[in-house]
Amino acid sequence: MKVAEKDRVVHGMLEEEYRRCKDALQSLQDKIERYPKGTLNVRKKQHKGKEYSYHYLVSREGGKVVNRHVARESIPPLRDQLKERDKYKKEIQSYKKRVAYLEGLLNTSKSRRGRIEGSSRHKPSR
């Protein structure tokens, strides 16, 4: 970005935004670890003409799929926690994209500056 190369104020603002985004990303990643992973599923079974439903949480641990039974009274809070986790995952993805974009801008301006400064110092001999 040519403006960031020429204007130190803009470059400073970009670096500040980069640090802010990295901090927010780390905070979200710490927050998401407190929520359960997985998906809530229902298994229905029939026994002696009656249909029973069992709720369970499906997640991956160490490459294996794990099914954990969920008590009926735990279902509503678990659903809320899973929704919160999904919301945070989406936020994390947007922050990752923003950080990558800012890294590109900051790295591009540094590498161009280095090439520009390097080319003025070392003139090819003829």
C-alpha atoms as a PDB file:
ATOM      1  CA  MET A   1       0.000   0.000   0.000  1.00  0.00           C
ATOM      2  CA  LYS A   2       1.701   3.170  -1.164  1.00  0.00           C
ATOM      3  CA  VAL A   3       0.035   5.421   1.406  1.00  0.00           C
ATOM      4  CA  ALA A   4       1.346   3.319   4.291  1.00  0.00           C
ATOM      5  CA  GLU A   5       4.837   3.464   2.833  1.00  0.00           C
ATOM      6  CA  LYS A   6       4.851   7.243   2.551  1.00  0.00           C
ATOM      7  CA  ASP A   7       2.913   8.244   5.637  1.00  0.00           C
ATOM      8  CA  ARG A   8       4.273   7.123   9.018  1.00  0.00           C
ATOM      9  CA  VAL A   9       1.016   8.113  10.728  1.00  0.00           C
ATOM     10  CA  VAL A  10      -1.005   5.730   8.553  1.00  0.00           C
ATOM     11  CA  HIS A  11       1.592   3.019   9.037  1.00  0.00           C
ATOM     12  CA  GLY A  12       1.416   3.554  12.806  1.00  0.00           C
ATOM     13  CA  MET A  13      -2.375   3.321  12.717  1.00  0.00           C
ATOM     14  CA  LEU A  14      -2.147   0.055  10.783  1.00  0.00           C
ATOM     15  CA  GLU A  15       0.293  -1.378  13.319  1.00  0.00           C
ATOM     16  CA  GLU A  16      -1.964  -0.293  16.173  1.00  0.00           C
ATOM     17  CA  GLU A  17      -4.985  -1.926  14.510  1.00  0.00           C
ATOM     18  CA  TYR A  18      -2.896  -5.057  13.928  1.00  0.00           C
ATOM     19  CA  ARG A  19      -1.987  -5.269  17.629  1.00  0.00           C
ATOM     20  CA  ARG A  20      -5.597  -4.609  18.659  1.00  0.00           C
ATOM     21  CA  CYS A  21      -6.859  -7.359  16.355  1.00  0.00           C
ATOM     22  CA  LYS A  22      -4.238  -9.819  17.625  1.00  0.00           C
ATOM     23  CA  ASP A  23      -5.260  -9.067  21.229  1.00  0.00           C
ATOM     24  CA  ALA A  24      -8.962  -9.472  20.417  1.00  0.00           C
ATOM     25  CA  LEU A  25      -8.236 -12.726  18.581  1.00  0.00           C
ATOM     26  CA  GLN A  26      -6.314 -14.117  21.556  1.00  0.00           C
ATOM     27  CA  SER A  27      -9.096 -13.054  23.923  1.00  0.00           C
ATOM     28  CA  LEU A  28     -11.727 -14.798  21.784  1.00  0.00           C
ATOM     29  CA  GLN A  29      -9.631 -17.952  21.552  1.00  0.00           C
ATOM     30  CA  ASP A  30      -9.260 -18.008  25.329  1.00  0.00           C
ATOM     31  CA  LYS A  31     -13.000 -17.474  25.722  1.00  0.00           C
ATOM     32  CA  ILE A  32     -13.980 -20.228  23.273  1.00  0.00           C
ATOM     33  CA  GLU A  33     -11.960 -22.805  25.229  1.00  0.00           C
ATOM     34  CA  ARG A  34     -14.398 -22.473  28.139  1.00  0.00           C
ATOM     35  CA  TYR A  35     -17.324 -23.680  26.006  1.00  0.00           C
ATOM     36  CA  PRO A  36     -18.050 -27.315  25.126  1.00  0.00           C
ATOM     37  CA  LYS A  37     -17.083 -28.564  21.676  1.00  0.00           C
ATOM     38  CA  GLY A  38     -19.318 -30.611  19.456  1.00  0.00           C
ATOM     39  CA  THR A  39     -22.856 -30.963  18.253  1.00  0.00           C
ATOM     40  CA  LEU A  40     -25.990 -31.896  20.129  1.00  0.00           C
ATOM     41  CA  ASN A  41     -27.767 -34.867  18.551  1.00  0.00           C
ATOM     42  CA  VAL A  42     -30.875 -36.906  19.352  1.00  0.00           C
ATOM     43  CA  ARG A  43     -31.076 -40.666  19.059  1.00  0.00           C
ATOM     44  CA  LYS A  44     -34.546 -42.197  18.996  1.00  0.00           C
ATOM     45  CA  LYS A  45     -35.178 -45.781  20.057  1.00  0.00           C
ATOM     46  CA  GLN A  46     -38.328 -47.846  20.160  1.00  0.00           C
ATOM     47  CA  HIS A  47     -38.917 -50.362  22.859  1.00  0.00           C
ATOM     48  CA  LYS A  48     -42.204 -52.223  23.425  1.00  0.00           C
ATOM     49  CA  GLY A  49     -44.147 -49.783  21.271  1.00  0.00           C
ATOM     50  CA  LYS A  50     -42.823 -46.674  22.993  1.00  0.00           C
ATOM     51  CA  GLU A  51     -40.392 -44.261  21.450  1.00  0.00           C
ATOM     52  CA  TYR A  52     -37.587 -42.879  23.607  1.00  0.00           C
ATOM     53  CA  SER A  53     -35.229 -40.084  22.686  1.00  0.00           C
ATOM     54  CA  TYR A  54     -31.714 -39.710  24.013  1.00  0.00           C
ATOM     55  CA  HIS A  55     -29.711 -36.519  23.664  1.00  0.00           C
ATOM     56  CA  TYR A  56     -25.963 -36.728  23.320  1.00  0.00           C
ATOM     57  CA  LEU A  57     -23.019 -34.480  22.521  1.00  0.00           C
ATOM     58  CA  VAL A  58     -20.793 -35.580  19.630  1.00  0.00           C
ATOM     59  CA  SER A  59     -17.242 -34.260  19.578  1.00  0.00           C
ATOM     60  CA  ARG A  60     -13.735 -35.218  18.540  1.00  0.00           C
ATOM     61  CA  GLU A  61     -10.982 -35.956  21.013  1.00  0.00           C
ATOM     62  CA  GLY A  62      -7.592 -37.030  19.779  1.00  0.00           C
ATOM     63  CA  GLY A  63      -8.910 -38.008  16.349  1.00  0.00           C
ATOM     64  CA  LYS A  64     -11.726 -40.134  17.759  1.00  0.00           C
ATOM     65  CA  VAL A  65     -15.421 -39.334  17.706  1.00  0.00           C
ATOM     66  CA  VAL A  66     -16.836 -39.309  21.226  1.00  0.00           C
ATOM     67  CA  ASN A  67     -20.556 -39.522  22.125  1.00  0.00           C
ATOM     68  CA  ARG A  68     -21.552 -38.276  25.572  1.00  0.00           C
ATOM     69  CA  HIS A  69     -25.033 -38.622  26.998  1.00  0.00           C
ATOM     70  CA  VAL A  70     -26.652 -35.327  28.017  1.00  0.00           C
ATOM     71  CA  ALA A  71     -29.247 -35.246  30.776  1.00  0.00           C
ATOM     72  CA  ARG A  72     -32.602 -33.774  29.829  1.00  0.00           C
ATOM     73  CA  GLU A  73     -32.267 -30.818  32.248  1.00  0.00           C
ATOM     74  CA  SER A  74     -28.831 -29.959  30.808  1.00  0.00           C
ATOM     75  CA  ILE A  75     -30.032 -29.577  27.218  1.00  0.00           C
ATOM     76  CA  PRO A  76     -31.169 -25.892  27.180  1.00  0.00           C
ATOM     77  CA  PRO A  77     -27.973 -24.480  28.781  1.00  0.00           C
ATOM     78  CA  LEU A  78     -25.841 -26.716  26.555  1.00  0.00           C
ATOM     79  CA  ARG A  79     -27.634 -25.463  23.436  1.00  0.00           C
ATOM     80  CA  ASP A  80     -26.972 -21.876  24.523  1.00  0.00           C
ATOM     81  CA  GLN A  81     -23.299 -22.632  25.122  1.00  0.00           C
ATOM     82  CA  LEU A  82     -22.934 -24.280  21.725  1.00  0.00           C
ATOM     83  CA  LYS A  83     -24.570 -21.260  20.047  1.00  0.00           C
ATOM     84  CA  GLU A  84     -22.173 -18.929  21.878  1.00  0.00           C
ATOM     85  CA  ARG A  85     -19.229 -21.064  20.788  1.00  0.00           C
ATOM     86  CA  ASP A  86     -20.384 -20.912  17.150  1.00  0.00           C
ATOM     87  CA  LYS A  87     -20.760 -17.141  17.414  1.00  0.00           C
ATOM     88  CA  TYR A  88     -17.218 -16.829  18.759  1.00  0.00           C
ATOM     89  CA  LYS A  89     -15.882 -19.130  16.033  1.00  0.00           C
ATOM     90  CA  LYS A  90     -17.332 -16.826  13.380  1.00  0.00           C
ATOM     91  CA  GLU A  91     -15.791 -13.802  15.083  1.00  0.00           C
ATOM     92  CA  ILE A  92     -12.440 -15.576  15.245  1.00  0.00           C
ATOM     93  CA  GLN A  93     -12.579 -16.279  11.518  1.00  0.00           C
ATOM     94  CA  SER A  94     -13.279 -12.630  10.720  1.00  0.00           C
ATOM     95  CA  TYR A  95     -10.421 -11.488  12.978  1.00  0.00           C
ATOM     96  CA  LYS A  96      -8.069 -14.008  11.363  1.00  0.00           C
ATOM     97  CA  LYS A  97      -8.921 -12.592   7.935  1.00  0.00           C
ATOM     98  CA  ARG A  98      -8.410  -9.046   9.199  1.00  0.00           C
ATOM     99  CA  VAL A  99      -5.051  -9.942  10.793  1.00  0.00           C
ATOM    100  CA  ALA A 100      -3.891 -11.645   7.581  1.00  0.00           C
ATOM    101  CA  TYR A 101      -4.903  -8.583   5.558  1.00  0.00           C
ATOM    102  CA  LEU A 102      -3.081  -6.221   7.924  1.00  0.00           C
ATOM    103  CA  GLU A 103      -0.007  -8.471   7.930  1.00  0.00           C
ATOM    104  CA  GLY A 104      -0.033  -8.297   4.151  1.00  0.00           C
ATOM    105  CA  LEU A 105      -0.227  -4.534   4.217  1.00  0.00           C
ATOM    106  CA  LEU A 106       2.478  -4.162   6.840  1.00  0.00           C
ATOM    107  CA  ASN A 107       4.803  -6.772   5.301  1.00  0.00           C
ATOM    108  CA  THR A 108       4.295  -5.361   1.813  1.00  0.00           C
ATOM    109  CA  SER A 109       5.157  -1.880   2.950  1.00  0.00           C
ATOM    110  CA  LYS A 110       8.272  -3.168   4.775  1.00  0.00           C
ATOM    111  CA  SER A 111       9.456  -5.281   1.850  1.00  0.00           C
ATOM    112  CA  ARG A 112       8.858  -2.495  -0.676  1.00  0.00           C
ATOM    113  CA  ARG A 113      10.607  -0.024   1.585  1.00  0.00           C
ATOM    114  CA  GLY A 114      13.546  -2.418   1.807  1.00  0.00           C
ATOM    115  CA  ARG A 115      13.661  -2.836  -1.973  1.00  0.00           C
ATOM    116  CA  ILE A 116      13.361   0.891  -2.551  1.00  0.00           C
ATOM    117  CA  GLU A 117      16.043   1.712   0.020  1.00  0.00           C
ATOM    118  CA  GLY A 118      18.211  -1.147  -1.190  1.00  0.00           C
ATOM    119  CA  SER A 119      17.992  -0.070  -4.813  1.00  0.00           C
ATOM    120  CA  SER A 120      19.033   3.499  -4.005  1.00  0.00           C
ATOM    121  CA  ARG A 121      22.036   2.308  -2.000  1.00  0.00           C
ATOM    122  CA  HIS A 122      23.335  -0.282  -4.401  1.00  0.00           C
ATOM    123  CA  LYS A 123      23.447   1.010  -7.906  1.00  0.00           C
ATOM    124  CA  PRO A 124      24.364  -1.618 -10.445  1.00  0.00           C
ATOM    125  CA  SER A 125      27.787  -1.098 -11.921  1.00  0.00           C
ATOM    126  CA  ARG A 126      28.085  -0.922 -15.694  1.00  0.00           C
END
